[in-house]
Amino acid sequence: MIQRVGSGSLLLRVKREAAQDYKIKIYGQELNRTTYNLARMNMILHDVHYADFDIRQENTLEHPQHRDLRLMLLLPIRRFLHIGVRIRCL
């Protein structure tokens, strides 16, 4: 389990900080089923609309997701761990 979004708290913090100036859409990947569901619940509980996040459950090394996106911000957290955030100006 290498690339993961965890509970989604860092994603929520980035969204909160940048949301005043930009439209944010969150992309991430988590292998652990429990943590994947926790991250999705966290997004909903913090009023992130379903259309504004795409967190997928999959192994990053074997089946990387979101490969077709051009991300404006990539958050490296740990070795081999990246979370993509798409930012659009309002």
Protein backbone atom coordinates (compact mmCIF):
# COMPACT_ATOMS: atom_id res chain seq x y z
CA MET A 1 0.00 0.00 0.00
CA ILE A 2 2.05 2.92 -1.22
CA GLN A 3 0.06 5.72 -2.73
CA ARG A 4 -2.79 6.68 -0.46
CA VAL A 5 -4.96 9.59 0.52
CA GLY A 6 -5.49 8.34 4.06
CA SER A 7 -8.47 9.90 5.80
CA GLY A 8 -8.46 12.85 3.39
CA SER A 9 -7.62 15.48 6.02
CA LEU A 10 -4.73 16.95 4.00
CA LEU A 11 -6.95 17.16 0.93
CA LEU A 12 -9.59 18.98 2.95
CA ARG A 13 -7.01 21.42 4.28
CA VAL A 14 -5.71 22.21 0.77
CA LYS A 15 -9.26 22.71 -0.45
CA ARG A 16 -10.11 25.00 2.47
CA GLU A 17 -6.99 27.12 1.97
CA ALA A 18 -7.35 27.51 -1.80
CA ALA A 19 -11.13 27.50 -2.19
CA GLN A 20 -11.43 31.25 -1.65
CA ASP A 21 -9.53 31.98 -4.86
CA TYR A 22 -9.89 28.81 -6.94
CA LYS A 23 -12.32 26.09 -7.93
CA ILE A 24 -10.86 22.88 -6.49
CA LYS A 25 -11.42 19.32 -7.64
CA ILE A 26 -9.70 16.57 -5.65
CA TYR A 27 -8.25 13.35 -7.09
CA GLY A 28 -6.73 10.57 -5.05
CA GLN A 29 -6.17 6.87 -4.68
CA GLU A 30 -6.27 4.55 -1.68
CA LEU A 31 -5.72 0.81 -1.55
CA ASN A 32 -7.11 0.07 1.92
CA ARG A 33 -10.91 -0.31 1.70
CA THR A 34 -11.64 1.06 5.18
CA THR A 35 -9.45 4.13 4.70
CA TYR A 36 -10.86 4.66 1.18
CA ASN A 37 -14.40 4.77 2.60
CA LEU A 38 -13.27 7.01 5.47
CA ALA A 39 -11.78 9.53 3.01
CA ARG A 40 -14.98 9.59 0.96
CA MET A 41 -17.12 10.04 4.08
CA ASN A 42 -14.82 12.85 5.24
CA MET A 43 -15.34 14.69 1.94
CA ILE A 44 -19.11 14.45 2.27
CA LEU A 45 -19.15 15.40 5.97
CA HIS A 46 -17.09 18.51 5.17
CA ASP A 47 -19.53 19.62 2.44
CA VAL A 48 -17.38 18.70 -0.54
CA HIS A 49 -19.84 17.96 -3.33
CA TYR A 50 -19.60 14.48 -4.86
CA ALA A 51 -18.73 16.00 -8.25
CA ASP A 52 -15.73 17.83 -6.74
CA PHE A 53 -13.75 14.76 -5.67
CA ASP A 54 -12.73 11.48 -7.26
CA ILE A 55 -11.06 9.11 -4.82
CA ARG A 56 -10.59 5.62 -6.16
CA GLN A 57 -9.75 2.34 -4.47
CA GLU A 58 -6.85 0.71 -6.30
CA ASN A 59 -3.17 -0.19 -6.04
CA THR A 60 -1.15 2.75 -7.35
CA LEU A 61 1.80 0.75 -8.62
CA GLU A 62 -0.22 -1.96 -10.34
CA HIS A 63 -3.19 0.14 -11.51
CA PRO A 64 -2.52 3.88 -11.32
CA GLN A 65 -5.64 6.01 -11.75
CA HIS A 66 -6.15 9.55 -13.09
CA ARG A 67 -3.31 9.17 -15.60
CA ASP A 68 -5.12 11.25 -18.23
CA LEU A 69 -5.40 14.36 -16.03
CA ARG A 70 -3.20 17.41 -16.18
CA LEU A 71 -3.00 18.48 -12.58
CA MET A 72 -2.17 21.98 -11.45
CA LEU A 73 -0.86 20.87 -8.07
CA LEU A 74 0.68 17.60 -7.00
CA LEU A 75 1.25 17.07 -3.31
CA PRO A 76 4.19 14.79 -2.54
CA ILE A 77 3.71 13.52 0.99
CA ARG A 78 5.98 10.52 1.31
CA ARG A 79 8.22 8.59 -1.00
CA PHE A 80 6.13 7.44 -3.98
CA LEU A 81 3.05 9.17 -2.55
CA HIS A 82 1.31 11.89 -4.52
CA ILE A 83 -2.14 13.40 -4.33
CA GLY A 84 -3.48 15.37 -7.26
CA VAL A 85 -5.52 18.50 -6.90
CA ARG A 86 -6.96 20.28 -9.90
CA ILE A 87 -7.31 24.03 -9.45
CA ARG A 88 -9.19 26.32 -11.80
CA CYS A 89 -9.38 30.10 -11.50
CA LEU A 90 -12.87 31.40 -10.78
